[in-house]
Amino acid sequence: MPTATTEETIALAATQVAVHPLVLLSVADSYNRSASGTKRRVVGVLLGQNNGKSVNVANSFAVPFEEDDKDPSVWFLDHNFVESMYDMYKKINAKEKMIGWYHSGPKLRASDLQINELFKRWIPQPVLVVVDVMPTVGIPTEAYFAVEEIKDDGSSTNKTFVHVSSTIEAEESEEIGVEHLLRDIRDQSTGTLSTKITNQLQSLQGLNERLAEIARYLQSVVDGKLPVNHTILGSLQDIFNLLPNLTPATTADGKPQETELSKAFKTNMHDNMMTIYLSSLVRSVMSLHDLIDNRKLPETEAEAKAKPAIEGKKETGDKSKDGPTKREGKDQQKDEKDADDKMEE
C-alpha cells in the first residue's frame, strides 16, 4: 500500500547529523570491553545539540543493556542509570543535552522502535545512530529518525525509521587528541622506513587530489558553469594566505634575488644531504670492516686447529732426541768404571 510523505518526514530527511570522533572511540571501547567476540550489541546515550536542522553529536555514555537473542521483544535497559549519568554530565557541561541513543548494530534490529519509544520519555524526537564497530570502507555511522507512515487509504499509521545523512566532524583539539591516541596504539613493529614513506606518499597523493579538485572548481566558476560562492572563495583565500611566498624578488637588472626563505631551504637541504652522506659513509666503513673480519675468521680458525698438532709433534721429537743421549752417557760411565777396576787388579 503506498504511503504519503508528510512535511515532518521531509524535514527530518533533510537533517544533517555530525558525529564527533570521541563518540566513535567511546562506542568502540564499550564494545571491546563487554561484547567483543559475541553477537551482542552495546547501547548508549548521545549528548550534544539539536537545532532542528542539524544534530551535533559531541559526547556519549554507555548504558547497561540486555536482550534475548531468540525473542527480540524481550530486552532490558536501566532507566535509573540513564537518569543518574545524565545528571552528572549536566554538571560537567550544561550545553550538552540528551539528543538520542546509539547501538553497535551493525544494522537496525526489530526492537529498535520500542527502545526509541522509551527514549521519548526524555527526548521529543530522539536520533538513532548505528555505529559499525568493525567497518571495512566508508563512514561507520548510520543515522535514523522514527516517523509515522500515513497510508493513502486512511488506515492506521505504521512507525518506521527514516534514514538521514551523517558525517564525521571534529574540532582542532579533537583531531590532535585522536592523532596522538592512534600514534600511541599503533604497532611499533610496523613503523619501518617503507611504511613511513608509503604514508607520506599517500598523504601527498591526497593533497594532489584536493588541489586538483580546487582547480576544477575555480575553473568551473570562471567558465560560468557554477555560481560564485563567497564562502568557499573566502576559505580558499585563507588557505592561500597561510602558504609562504616562494616567488623570488627581482633585482634592477631583472635577475632573481635570493630571499631568506630560499636560503633557509638550501641550508636545510644541505644539512640533510650531509647527514645522508655521513650515514652512507659509516655504513660503507662498517661493511668493509665486516668483510675483513669474515676473511680473517677462516685463517684464524685454521691456525687454532693446527697449533696443537704442531706442538704435539715438537714434544715427541724432543723426547726421542733426549732418550739415546742419556743412555749413551750411562753406558760410557759403566765402561769407564769397569776399566778402572781392571787396572787396579
C-alpha atoms as a PDB file:
ATOM      1  CA  MET A   1       0.000   0.000   0.000  1.00  0.00           C
ATOM      2  CA  PRO A   2       1.555   3.377  -0.981  1.00  0.00           C
ATOM      3  CA  THR A   3       2.252   5.866   1.777  1.00  0.00           C
ATOM      4  CA  ALA A   4       2.082   9.644   1.844  1.00  0.00           C
ATOM      5  CA  THR A   5       5.169  11.696   2.665  1.00  0.00           C
ATOM      6  CA  THR A   6       4.442  14.223   5.386  1.00  0.00           C
ATOM      7  CA  GLU A   7       6.181  17.549   5.945  1.00  0.00           C
ATOM      8  CA  GLU A   8       7.716  16.180   9.127  1.00  0.00           C
ATOM      9  CA  THR A   9       9.282  13.302   7.228  1.00  0.00           C
ATOM     10  CA  ILE A  10      10.679  15.668   4.590  1.00  0.00           C
ATOM     11  CA  ALA A  11      12.125  17.955   7.267  1.00  0.00           C
ATOM     12  CA  LEU A  12      13.713  15.078   9.161  1.00  0.00           C
ATOM     13  CA  ALA A  13      15.185  13.578   5.991  1.00  0.00           C
ATOM     14  CA  ALA A  14      16.996  16.870   5.341  1.00  0.00           C
ATOM     15  CA  THR A  15      18.595  16.874   8.791  1.00  0.00           C
ATOM     16  CA  GLN A  16      22.374  16.574   8.898  1.00  0.00           C
ATOM     17  CA  VAL A  17      23.891  14.528  11.738  1.00  0.00           C
ATOM     18  CA  ALA A  18      27.534  15.248  12.658  1.00  0.00           C
ATOM     19  CA  VAL A  19      29.264  12.673  14.860  1.00  0.00           C
ATOM     20  CA  HIS A  20      32.489  13.551  16.696  1.00  0.00           C
ATOM     21  CA  PRO A  21      35.424  11.105  16.978  1.00  0.00           C
ATOM     22  CA  LEU A  22      35.059  10.984  20.767  1.00  0.00           C
ATOM     23  CA  VAL A  23      31.703   9.239  20.326  1.00  0.00           C
ATOM     24  CA  LEU A  24      33.184   6.625  17.996  1.00  0.00           C
ATOM     25  CA  LEU A  25      36.027   5.919  20.425  1.00  0.00           C
ATOM     26  CA  SER A  26      33.559   5.601  23.301  1.00  0.00           C
ATOM     27  CA  VAL A  27      31.372   3.131  21.378  1.00  0.00           C
ATOM     28  CA  ALA A  28      34.375   1.063  20.282  1.00  0.00           C
ATOM     29  CA  ASP A  29      35.737   0.980  23.837  1.00  0.00           C
ATOM     30  CA  SER A  30      32.372  -0.106  25.252  1.00  0.00           C
ATOM     31  CA  TYR A  31      32.063  -2.855  22.643  1.00  0.00           C
ATOM     32  CA  ASN A  32      35.589  -4.174  23.211  1.00  0.00           C
ATOM     33  CA  ARG A  33      35.017  -4.299  26.964  1.00  0.00           C
ATOM     34  CA  SER A  34      31.658  -6.063  27.054  1.00  0.00           C
ATOM     35  CA  ALA A  35      30.678  -7.567  23.689  1.00  0.00           C
ATOM     36  CA  SER A  36      33.844  -8.302  21.739  1.00  0.00           C
ATOM     37  CA  GLY A  37      33.742 -11.675  20.010  1.00  0.00           C
ATOM     38  CA  THR A  38      29.991 -12.107  20.536  1.00  0.00           C
ATOM     39  CA  LYS A  39      26.816 -11.242  18.651  1.00  0.00           C
ATOM     40  CA  ARG A  40      25.691  -8.897  21.408  1.00  0.00           C
ATOM     41  CA  ARG A  41      25.412  -5.167  20.844  1.00  0.00           C
ATOM     42  CA  VAL A  42      26.091  -2.235  23.134  1.00  0.00           C
ATOM     43  CA  VAL A  43      23.639   0.611  23.711  1.00  0.00           C
ATOM     44  CA  GLY A  44      24.260   4.128  24.949  1.00  0.00           C
ATOM     45  CA  VAL A  45      23.018   7.706  25.148  1.00  0.00           C
ATOM     46  CA  LEU A  46      24.068  10.501  22.774  1.00  0.00           C
ATOM     47  CA  LEU A  47      24.757  14.022  24.030  1.00  0.00           C
ATOM     48  CA  GLY A  48      25.035  17.212  22.010  1.00  0.00           C
ATOM     49  CA  GLN A  49      22.859  19.831  20.342  1.00  0.00           C
ATOM     50  CA  ASN A  50      19.849  19.609  18.024  1.00  0.00           C
ATOM     51  CA  ASN A  51      18.642  22.853  16.444  1.00  0.00           C
ATOM     52  CA  GLY A  52      16.066  21.204  14.178  1.00  0.00           C
ATOM     53  CA  LYS A  53      18.164  21.395  11.001  1.00  0.00           C
ATOM     54  CA  SER A  54      21.380  19.782  12.176  1.00  0.00           C
ATOM     55  CA  VAL A  55      22.348  17.455  15.004  1.00  0.00           C
ATOM     56  CA  ASN A  56      25.759  17.729  16.642  1.00  0.00           C
ATOM     57  CA  VAL A  57      26.684  14.514  18.490  1.00  0.00           C
ATOM     58  CA  ALA A  58      29.559  15.592  20.739  1.00  0.00           C
ATOM     59  CA  ASN A  59      29.604  13.034  23.565  1.00  0.00           C
ATOM     60  CA  SER A  60      28.073   9.766  24.750  1.00  0.00           C
ATOM     61  CA  PHE A  61      27.994   7.215  27.538  1.00  0.00           C
ATOM     62  CA  ALA A  62      27.170   3.509  27.587  1.00  0.00           C
ATOM     63  CA  VAL A  63      24.083   2.089  29.291  1.00  0.00           C
ATOM     64  CA  PRO A  64      23.551  -1.409  30.790  1.00  0.00           C
ATOM     65  CA  PHE A  65      21.516  -3.301  28.206  1.00  0.00           C
ATOM     66  CA  GLU A  66      20.444  -6.918  27.783  1.00  0.00           C
ATOM     67  CA  GLU A  67      18.224  -8.623  25.207  1.00  0.00           C
ATOM     68  CA  ASP A  68      17.055 -12.115  24.370  1.00  0.00           C
ATOM     69  CA  ASP A  69      18.666 -13.497  21.233  1.00  0.00           C
ATOM     70  CA  LYS A  70      15.672 -15.709  20.466  1.00  0.00           C
ATOM     71  CA  ASP A  71      12.923 -13.174  21.235  1.00  0.00           C
ATOM     72  CA  PRO A  72      13.780  -9.603  20.082  1.00  0.00           C
ATOM     73  CA  SER A  73      10.840  -8.163  22.023  1.00  0.00           C
ATOM     74  CA  VAL A  74      12.457  -9.141  25.336  1.00  0.00           C
ATOM     75  CA  TRP A  75      15.077  -6.601  26.368  1.00  0.00           C
ATOM     76  CA  PHE A  76      16.162  -4.575  29.390  1.00  0.00           C
ATOM     77  CA  LEU A  77      17.573  -1.049  29.677  1.00  0.00           C
ATOM     78  CA  ASP A  78      18.458   0.534  33.027  1.00  0.00           C
ATOM     79  CA  HIS A  79      16.346   3.737  33.296  1.00  0.00           C
ATOM     80  CA  ASN A  80      17.829   4.821  36.612  1.00  0.00           C
ATOM     81  CA  PHE A  81      21.357   4.571  35.245  1.00  0.00           C
ATOM     82  CA  VAL A  82      20.445   6.827  32.306  1.00  0.00           C
ATOM     83  CA  GLU A  83      18.971   9.500  34.563  1.00  0.00           C
ATOM     84  CA  SER A  84      21.818   9.460  37.090  1.00  0.00           C
ATOM     85  CA  MET A  85      24.534   9.589  34.422  1.00  0.00           C
ATOM     86  CA  TYR A  86      22.769  12.384  32.559  1.00  0.00           C
ATOM     87  CA  ASP A  87      22.555  14.417  35.768  1.00  0.00           C
ATOM     88  CA  MET A  88      26.307  14.003  36.228  1.00  0.00           C
ATOM     89  CA  TYR A  89      27.070  15.040  32.645  1.00  0.00           C
ATOM     90  CA  LYS A  90      24.867  18.139  33.011  1.00  0.00           C
ATOM     91  CA  LYS A  91      27.069  19.295  35.882  1.00  0.00           C
ATOM     92  CA  ILE A  92      30.152  18.951  33.694  1.00  0.00           C
ATOM     93  CA  ASN A  93      28.794  20.578  30.525  1.00  0.00           C
ATOM     94  CA  ALA A  94      25.305  22.041  30.585  1.00  0.00           C
ATOM     95  CA  LYS A  95      25.385  22.708  26.820  1.00  0.00           C
ATOM     96  CA  GLU A  96      25.368  19.003  26.018  1.00  0.00           C
ATOM     97  CA  LYS A  97      21.756  17.837  26.044  1.00  0.00           C
ATOM     98  CA  MET A  98      20.393  14.337  25.604  1.00  0.00           C
ATOM     99  CA  ILE A  99      19.611  14.106  21.879  1.00  0.00           C
ATOM    100  CA  GLY A 100      19.269  10.384  21.170  1.00  0.00           C
ATOM    101  CA  TRP A 101      20.808   6.970  21.537  1.00  0.00           C
ATOM    102  CA  TYR A 102      23.118   4.581  19.733  1.00  0.00           C
ATOM    103  CA  HIS A 103      23.812   0.897  19.362  1.00  0.00           C
ATOM    104  CA  SER A 104      26.606  -1.085  17.724  1.00  0.00           C
ATOM    105  CA  GLY A 105      24.316  -2.687  15.128  1.00  0.00           C
ATOM    106  CA  PRO A 106      25.721  -3.128  12.602  1.00  0.00           C
ATOM    107  CA  LYS A 107      22.131  -2.874  11.278  1.00  0.00           C
ATOM    108  CA  LEU A 108      18.702  -1.982  12.589  1.00  0.00           C
ATOM    109  CA  ARG A 109      17.052  -4.517  14.892  1.00  0.00           C
ATOM    110  CA  ALA A 110      13.401  -5.430  15.397  1.00  0.00           C
ATOM    111  CA  SER A 111      13.349  -3.925  18.899  1.00  0.00           C
ATOM    112  CA  ASP A 112      14.802  -0.553  17.874  1.00  0.00           C
ATOM    113  CA  LEU A 113      11.387   1.099  17.554  1.00  0.00           C
ATOM    114  CA  GLN A 114      10.446   0.010  21.074  1.00  0.00           C
ATOM    115  CA  ILE A 115      13.722   1.296  22.515  1.00  0.00           C
ATOM    116  CA  ASN A 116      13.253   4.539  20.608  1.00  0.00           C
ATOM    117  CA  GLU A 117       9.810   4.961  22.187  1.00  0.00           C
ATOM    118  CA  LEU A 118      11.419   4.542  25.597  1.00  0.00           C
ATOM    119  CA  PHE A 119      13.858   7.389  24.909  1.00  0.00           C
ATOM    120  CA  LYS A 120      10.922   9.666  24.120  1.00  0.00           C
ATOM    121  CA  ARG A 121      10.470   9.881  27.888  1.00  0.00           C
ATOM    122  CA  TRP A 122      13.452  12.263  27.884  1.00  0.00           C
ATOM    123  CA  ILE A 123      13.661  13.467  24.250  1.00  0.00           C
ATOM    124  CA  PRO A 124      10.754  14.529  21.989  1.00  0.00           C
ATOM    125  CA  GLN A 125      12.480  13.386  18.770  1.00  0.00           C
ATOM    126  CA  PRO A 126      15.475  11.125  19.542  1.00  0.00           C
ATOM    127  CA  VAL A 127      18.042  10.382  16.861  1.00  0.00           C
ATOM    128  CA  LEU A 128      19.338   6.845  16.478  1.00  0.00           C
ATOM    129  CA  VAL A 129      22.951   6.404  15.356  1.00  0.00           C
ATOM    130  CA  VAL A 130      24.002   2.884  14.403  1.00  0.00           C
ATOM    131  CA  VAL A 131      27.787   2.592  14.757  1.00  0.00           C
ATOM    132  CA  ASP A 132      29.565  -0.223  12.949  1.00  0.00           C
ATOM    133  CA  VAL A 133      32.488  -1.091  15.231  1.00  0.00           C
ATOM    134  CA  MET A 134      34.158  -3.211  12.524  1.00  0.00           C
ATOM    135  CA  PRO A 135      33.751  -1.221   9.297  1.00  0.00           C
ATOM    136  CA  THR A 136      35.504  -2.103   6.073  1.00  0.00           C
ATOM    137  CA  VAL A 137      35.058   1.034   3.984  1.00  0.00           C
ATOM    138  CA  GLY A 138      33.097   4.242   4.243  1.00  0.00           C
ATOM    139  CA  ILE A 139      31.671   6.099   7.229  1.00  0.00           C
ATOM    140  CA  PRO A 140      30.940   3.765  10.173  1.00  0.00           C
ATOM    141  CA  THR A 141      27.740   5.586  11.199  1.00  0.00           C
ATOM    142  CA  GLU A 142      24.125   5.498  10.003  1.00  0.00           C
ATOM    143  CA  ALA A 143      21.584   7.953  11.457  1.00  0.00           C
ATOM    144  CA  TYR A 144      17.807   7.481  11.663  1.00  0.00           C
ATOM    145  CA  PHE A 145      14.687   9.241  12.927  1.00  0.00           C
ATOM    146  CA  ALA A 146      11.449   7.453  13.790  1.00  0.00           C
ATOM    147  CA  VAL A 147       8.402   8.661  11.810  1.00  0.00           C
ATOM    148  CA  GLU A 148       4.830   7.532  11.238  1.00  0.00           C
ATOM    149  CA  GLU A 149       3.842   6.420   7.763  1.00  0.00           C
ATOM    150  CA  ILE A 150       0.406   7.653   6.679  1.00  0.00           C
ATOM    151  CA  LYS A 151      -1.260   5.369   4.155  1.00  0.00           C
ATOM    152  CA  ASP A 152      -3.379   6.720   1.319  1.00  0.00           C
ATOM    153  CA  ASP A 153      -6.372   4.554   2.226  1.00  0.00           C
ATOM    154  CA  GLY A 154      -6.684   6.193   5.637  1.00  0.00           C
ATOM    155  CA  SER A 155      -5.845   3.074   7.622  1.00  0.00           C
ATOM    156  CA  SER A 156      -3.778   3.127  10.798  1.00  0.00           C
ATOM    157  CA  THR A 157      -0.277   4.517  10.604  1.00  0.00           C
ATOM    158  CA  ASN A 158       2.886   2.473  10.968  1.00  0.00           C
ATOM    159  CA  LYS A 159       6.061   3.630  12.667  1.00  0.00           C
ATOM    160  CA  THR A 160       9.312   3.240  10.810  1.00  0.00           C
ATOM    161  CA  PHE A 161      12.772   4.748  10.589  1.00  0.00           C
ATOM    162  CA  VAL A 162      13.808   7.323   8.012  1.00  0.00           C
ATOM    163  CA  HIS A 163      17.472   7.474   7.083  1.00  0.00           C
ATOM    164  CA  VAL A 164      19.324  10.802   7.323  1.00  0.00           C
ATOM    165  CA  SER A 165      22.826  11.702   6.204  1.00  0.00           C
ATOM    166  CA  SER A 166      25.652  11.568   8.728  1.00  0.00           C
ATOM    167  CA  THR A 167      29.227  12.821   8.711  1.00  0.00           C
ATOM    168  CA  ILE A 168      32.293  12.653  10.950  1.00  0.00           C
ATOM    169  CA  GLU A 169      33.346  16.096  12.153  1.00  0.00           C
ATOM    170  CA  ALA A 170      35.932  17.179  14.691  1.00  0.00           C
ATOM    171  CA  GLU A 171      37.366  20.336  16.161  1.00  0.00           C
ATOM    172  CA  GLU A 172      41.078  21.032  16.013  1.00  0.00           C
ATOM    173  CA  SER A 173      41.668  19.914  19.590  1.00  0.00           C
ATOM    174  CA  GLU A 174      39.841  16.628  18.922  1.00  0.00           C
ATOM    175  CA  GLU A 175      41.886  15.965  15.795  1.00  0.00           C
ATOM    176  CA  ILE A 176      45.127  16.432  17.730  1.00  0.00           C
ATOM    177  CA  GLY A 177      43.941  14.144  20.527  1.00  0.00           C
ATOM    178  CA  VAL A 178      42.808  11.393  18.162  1.00  0.00           C
ATOM    179  CA  GLU A 179      46.069  11.629  16.218  1.00  0.00           C
ATOM    180  CA  HIS A 180      48.134  11.175  19.381  1.00  0.00           C
ATOM    181  CA  LEU A 181      45.891   8.319  20.522  1.00  0.00           C
ATOM    182  CA  LEU A 182      46.280   6.450  17.247  1.00  0.00           C
ATOM    183  CA  ARG A 183      50.014   7.104  17.334  1.00  0.00           C
ATOM    184  CA  ASP A 184      50.256   5.517  20.795  1.00  0.00           C
ATOM    185  CA  ILE A 185      48.223   2.409  19.966  1.00  0.00           C
ATOM    186  CA  ARG A 186      49.847   1.829  16.581  1.00  0.00           C
ATOM    187  CA  ASP A 187      52.016  -1.277  16.379  1.00  0.00           C
ATOM    188  CA  GLN A 188      55.595  -0.072  16.649  1.00  0.00           C
ATOM    189  CA  SER A 189      56.935  -3.129  14.824  1.00  0.00           C
ATOM    190  CA  THR A 190      55.273  -1.957  11.625  1.00  0.00           C
ATOM    191  CA  GLY A 191      56.821   1.504  11.764  1.00  0.00           C
ATOM    192  CA  THR A 192      59.550   0.737   9.248  1.00  0.00           C
ATOM    193  CA  LEU A 193      61.034   3.173   6.800  1.00  0.00           C
ATOM    194  CA  SER A 194      58.989   1.753   3.922  1.00  0.00           C
ATOM    195  CA  THR A 195      55.765   2.196   5.916  1.00  0.00           C
ATOM    196  CA  LYS A 196      56.585   5.818   6.701  1.00  0.00           C
ATOM    197  CA  ILE A 197      57.428   6.543   3.075  1.00  0.00           C
ATOM    198  CA  THR A 198      54.186   4.879   1.962  1.00  0.00           C
ATOM    199  CA  ASN A 199      52.177   7.009   4.388  1.00  0.00           C
ATOM    200  CA  GLN A 200      53.871  10.176   3.168  1.00  0.00           C
ATOM    201  CA  LEU A 201      53.242   9.177  -0.441  1.00  0.00           C
ATOM    202  CA  GLN A 202      49.557   8.593   0.269  1.00  0.00           C
ATOM    203  CA  SER A 203      49.336  11.968   2.010  1.00  0.00           C
ATOM    204  CA  LEU A 204      50.920  13.721  -0.957  1.00  0.00           C
ATOM    205  CA  GLN A 205      48.568  11.920  -3.347  1.00  0.00           C
ATOM    206  CA  GLY A 206      45.600  13.048  -1.258  1.00  0.00           C
ATOM    207  CA  LEU A 207      46.902  16.621  -1.271  1.00  0.00           C
ATOM    208  CA  ASN A 208      47.323  16.470  -5.040  1.00  0.00           C
ATOM    209  CA  GLU A 209      43.716  15.289  -5.460  1.00  0.00           C
ATOM    210  CA  ARG A 210      42.421  18.117  -3.252  1.00  0.00           C
ATOM    211  CA  LEU A 211      44.401  20.720  -5.179  1.00  0.00           C
ATOM    212  CA  ALA A 212      43.133  19.318  -8.478  1.00  0.00           C
ATOM    213  CA  GLU A 213      39.559  19.469  -7.170  1.00  0.00           C
ATOM    214  CA  ILE A 214      40.051  23.105  -6.109  1.00  0.00           C
ATOM    215  CA  ALA A 215      41.468  23.931  -9.537  1.00  0.00           C
ATOM    216  CA  ARG A 216      38.499  22.287 -11.282  1.00  0.00           C
ATOM    217  CA  TYR A 217      36.055  24.208  -9.099  1.00  0.00           C
ATOM    218  CA  LEU A 218      37.725  27.556  -9.767  1.00  0.00           C
ATOM    219  CA  GLN A 219      37.845  26.835 -13.498  1.00  0.00           C
ATOM    220  CA  SER A 220      34.124  25.975 -13.468  1.00  0.00           C
ATOM    221  CA  VAL A 221      33.399  29.291 -11.733  1.00  0.00           C
ATOM    222  CA  VAL A 222      35.475  31.176 -14.299  1.00  0.00           C
ATOM    223  CA  ASP A 223      33.688  29.398 -17.164  1.00  0.00           C
ATOM    224  CA  GLY A 224      30.307  30.252 -15.653  1.00  0.00           C
ATOM    225  CA  LYS A 225      29.306  26.634 -15.039  1.00  0.00           C
ATOM    226  CA  LEU A 226      28.999  27.194 -11.281  1.00  0.00           C
ATOM    227  CA  PRO A 227      27.838  30.290  -9.397  1.00  0.00           C
ATOM    228  CA  VAL A 228      30.239  32.289  -7.263  1.00  0.00           C
ATOM    229  CA  ASN A 229      30.213  31.130  -3.647  1.00  0.00           C
ATOM    230  CA  HIS A 230      31.910  33.756  -1.496  1.00  0.00           C
ATOM    231  CA  THR A 231      32.112  31.400   1.493  1.00  0.00           C
ATOM    232  CA  ILE A 232      34.176  28.870  -0.464  1.00  0.00           C
ATOM    233  CA  LEU A 233      36.318  31.587  -2.013  1.00  0.00           C
ATOM    234  CA  GLY A 234      36.959  33.089   1.411  1.00  0.00           C
ATOM    235  CA  SER A 235      38.048  29.707   2.778  1.00  0.00           C
ATOM    236  CA  LEU A 236      40.383  29.191  -0.182  1.00  0.00           C
ATOM    237  CA  GLN A 237      41.844  32.652   0.329  1.00  0.00           C
ATOM    238  CA  ASP A 238      42.533  31.844   3.987  1.00  0.00           C
ATOM    239  CA  ILE A 239      44.363  28.687   2.898  1.00  0.00           C
ATOM    240  CA  PHE A 240      46.443  30.558   0.337  1.00  0.00           C
ATOM    241  CA  ASN A 241      47.342  33.222   2.890  1.00  0.00           C
ATOM    242  CA  LEU A 242      48.943  30.532   5.062  1.00  0.00           C
ATOM    243  CA  LEU A 243      51.307  29.474   2.267  1.00  0.00           C
ATOM    244  CA  PRO A 244      54.795  31.048   2.149  1.00  0.00           C
ATOM    245  CA  ASN A 245      55.680  33.328  -0.748  1.00  0.00           C
ATOM    246  CA  LEU A 246      58.198  31.316  -2.756  1.00  0.00           C
ATOM    247  CA  THR A 247      58.338  33.757  -5.688  1.00  0.00           C
ATOM    248  CA  PRO A 248      61.802  35.377  -5.584  1.00  0.00           C
ATOM    249  CA  ALA A 249      62.131  39.116  -5.913  1.00  0.00           C
ATOM    250  CA  THR A 250      63.999  40.530  -8.908  1.00  0.00           C
ATOM    251  CA  THR A 251      66.884  42.976  -8.914  1.00  0.00           C
ATOM    252  CA  ALA A 252      67.190  46.095 -11.046  1.00  0.00           C
ATOM    253  CA  ASP A 253      68.691  44.121 -13.928  1.00  0.00           C
ATOM    254  CA  GLY A 254      65.878  41.549 -13.825  1.00  0.00           C
ATOM    255  CA  LYS A 255      67.803  38.751 -12.146  1.00  0.00           C
ATOM    256  CA  PRO A 256      66.078  36.772  -9.361  1.00  0.00           C
ATOM    257  CA  GLN A 257      67.124  37.825  -5.897  1.00  0.00           C
ATOM    258  CA  GLU A 258      67.690  35.140  -3.291  1.00  0.00           C
ATOM    259  CA  THR A 259      65.384  35.542  -0.307  1.00  0.00           C
ATOM    260  CA  GLU A 260      65.853  34.477   3.294  1.00  0.00           C
ATOM    261  CA  LEU A 261      63.333  31.687   2.788  1.00  0.00           C
ATOM    262  CA  SER A 262      65.214  30.233  -0.174  1.00  0.00           C
ATOM    263  CA  LYS A 263      68.461  30.434   1.804  1.00  0.00           C
ATOM    264  CA  ALA A 264      66.832  28.561   4.667  1.00  0.00           C
ATOM    265  CA  PHE A 265      65.559  25.893   2.268  1.00  0.00           C
ATOM    266  CA  LYS A 266      69.023  25.464   0.754  1.00  0.00           C
ATOM    267  CA  THR A 267      70.690  25.284   4.163  1.00  0.00           C
ATOM    268  CA  ASN A 268      68.221  22.677   5.336  1.00  0.00           C
ATOM    269  CA  MET A 269      68.686  20.671   2.148  1.00  0.00           C
ATOM    270  CA  HIS A 270      72.484  20.783   2.501  1.00  0.00           C
ATOM    271  CA  ASP A 271      72.246  19.630   6.113  1.00  0.00           C
ATOM    272  CA  ASN A 272      70.022  16.729   5.109  1.00  0.00           C
ATOM    273  CA  MET A 273      72.344  15.748   2.269  1.00  0.00           C
ATOM    274  CA  MET A 274      75.353  15.887   4.605  1.00  0.00           C
ATOM    275  CA  THR A 275      73.547  13.646   7.093  1.00  0.00           C
ATOM    276  CA  ILE A 276      72.728  11.157   4.338  1.00  0.00           C
ATOM    277  CA  TYR A 277      76.340  11.247   3.094  1.00  0.00           C
ATOM    278  CA  LEU A 278      77.804  10.638   6.558  1.00  0.00           C
ATOM    279  CA  SER A 279      75.386   7.797   7.271  1.00  0.00           C
ATOM    280  CA  SER A 280      76.250   6.174   3.923  1.00  0.00           C
ATOM    281  CA  LEU A 281      79.962   6.576   4.659  1.00  0.00           C
ATOM    282  CA  VAL A 282      79.595   4.984   8.097  1.00  0.00           C
ATOM    283  CA  ARG A 283      77.631   2.073   6.628  1.00  0.00           C
ATOM    284  CA  SER A 284      80.337   1.552   3.974  1.00  0.00           C
ATOM    285  CA  VAL A 285      83.137   1.527   6.571  1.00  0.00           C
ATOM    286  CA  MET A 286      81.223  -0.942   8.733  1.00  0.00           C
ATOM    287  CA  SER A 287      80.594  -3.182   5.721  1.00  0.00           C
ATOM    288  CA  LEU A 288      84.312  -3.168   4.843  1.00  0.00           C
ATOM    289  CA  HIS A 289      85.191  -3.950   8.453  1.00  0.00           C
ATOM    290  CA  ASP A 290      82.771  -6.893   8.476  1.00  0.00           C
ATOM    291  CA  LEU A 291      84.200  -8.120   5.173  1.00  0.00           C
ATOM    292  CA  ILE A 292      87.760  -8.076   6.551  1.00  0.00           C
ATOM    293  CA  ASP A 293      86.654  -9.905   9.698  1.00  0.00           C
ATOM    294  CA  ASN A 294      84.900 -12.550   7.627  1.00  0.00           C
ATOM    295  CA  ARG A 295      88.050 -13.124   5.546  1.00  0.00           C
ATOM    296  CA  LYS A 296      90.287 -13.370   8.635  1.00  0.00           C
ATOM    297  CA  LEU A 297      87.998 -15.724  10.516  1.00  0.00           C
ATOM    298  CA  PRO A 298      88.759 -18.917   8.475  1.00  0.00           C
ATOM    299  CA  GLU A 299      92.519 -18.280   8.710  1.00  0.00           C
ATOM    300  CA  THR A 300      92.311 -17.793  12.475  1.00  0.00           C
ATOM    301  CA  GLU A 301      90.303 -20.981  12.914  1.00  0.00           C
ATOM    302  CA  ALA A 302      92.785 -22.950  10.773  1.00  0.00           C
ATOM    303  CA  GLU A 303      95.731 -21.647  12.800  1.00  0.00           C
ATOM    304  CA  ALA A 304      93.953 -22.509  16.048  1.00  0.00           C
ATOM    305  CA  LYS A 305      93.373 -26.084  14.852  1.00  0.00           C
ATOM    306  CA  ALA A 306      96.954 -26.541  13.537  1.00  0.00           C
ATOM    307  CA  LYS A 307      98.748 -25.188  16.629  1.00  0.00           C
ATOM    308  CA  PRO A 308      98.035 -28.177  18.973  1.00  0.00           C
ATOM    309  CA  ALA A 309      99.195 -30.644  16.292  1.00  0.00           C
ATOM    310  CA  ILE A 310     102.473 -28.790  15.734  1.00  0.00           C
ATOM    311  CA  GLU A 311     103.196 -28.575  19.457  1.00  0.00           C
ATOM    312  CA  GLY A 312     102.480 -32.318  19.866  1.00  0.00           C
ATOM    313  CA  LYS A 313     104.931 -33.249  17.103  1.00  0.00           C
ATOM    314  CA  LYS A 314     107.591 -30.975  18.584  1.00  0.00           C
ATOM    315  CA  GLU A 315     107.335 -32.557  22.042  1.00  0.00           C
ATOM    316  CA  THR A 316     107.562 -36.082  20.548  1.00  0.00           C
ATOM    317  CA  GLY A 317     110.711 -35.154  18.621  1.00  0.00           C
ATOM    318  CA  ASP A 318     112.391 -33.725  21.739  1.00  0.00           C
ATOM    319  CA  LYS A 319     111.739 -36.890  23.738  1.00  0.00           C
ATOM    320  CA  SER A 320     113.188 -39.174  21.022  1.00  0.00           C
ATOM    321  CA  LYS A 321     116.261 -36.989  20.766  1.00  0.00           C
ATOM    322  CA  ASP A 322     116.956 -36.837  24.516  1.00  0.00           C
ATOM    323  CA  GLY A 323     116.445 -40.626  25.104  1.00  0.00           C
ATOM    324  CA  PRO A 324     119.514 -42.061  23.252  1.00  0.00           C
ATOM    325  CA  THR A 325     121.791 -39.354  24.595  1.00  0.00           C
ATOM    326  CA  LYS A 326     121.083 -40.257  28.200  1.00  0.00           C
ATOM    327  CA  ARG A 327     121.500 -43.990  27.610  1.00  0.00           C
ATOM    328  CA  GLU A 328     124.806 -43.463  25.799  1.00  0.00           C
ATOM    329  CA  GLY A 329     126.082 -41.438  28.742  1.00  0.00           C
ATOM    330  CA  LYS A 330     125.236 -44.191  31.217  1.00  0.00           C
ATOM    331  CA  ASP A 331     126.955 -46.897  29.089  1.00  0.00           C
ATOM    332  CA  GLN A 332     130.079 -44.761  28.804  1.00  0.00           C
ATOM    333  CA  GLN A 333     130.229 -44.255  32.579  1.00  0.00           C
ATOM    334  CA  LYS A 334     129.845 -48.053  33.113  1.00  0.00           C
ATOM    335  CA  ASP A 335     132.646 -48.848  30.669  1.00  0.00           C
ATOM    336  CA  GLU A 336     134.964 -46.336  32.347  1.00  0.00           C
ATOM    337  CA  LYS A 337     134.221 -47.880  35.758  1.00  0.00           C
ATOM    338  CA  ASP A 338     134.991 -51.421  34.501  1.00  0.00           C
ATOM    339  CA  ALA A 339     138.274 -50.228  33.001  1.00  0.00           C
ATOM    340  CA  ASP A 340     139.347 -48.666  36.293  1.00  0.00           C
ATOM    341  CA  ASP A 341     138.568 -51.884  38.186  1.00  0.00           C
ATOM    342  CA  LYS A 342     140.744 -53.933  35.821  1.00  0.00           C
ATOM    343  CA  MET A 343     143.686 -51.555  36.187  1.00  0.00           C
ATOM    344  CA  GLU A 344     143.515 -51.792  39.958  1.00  0.00           C
ATOM    345  CA  GLU A 345     143.683 -55.564  39.778  1.00  0.00           C
END
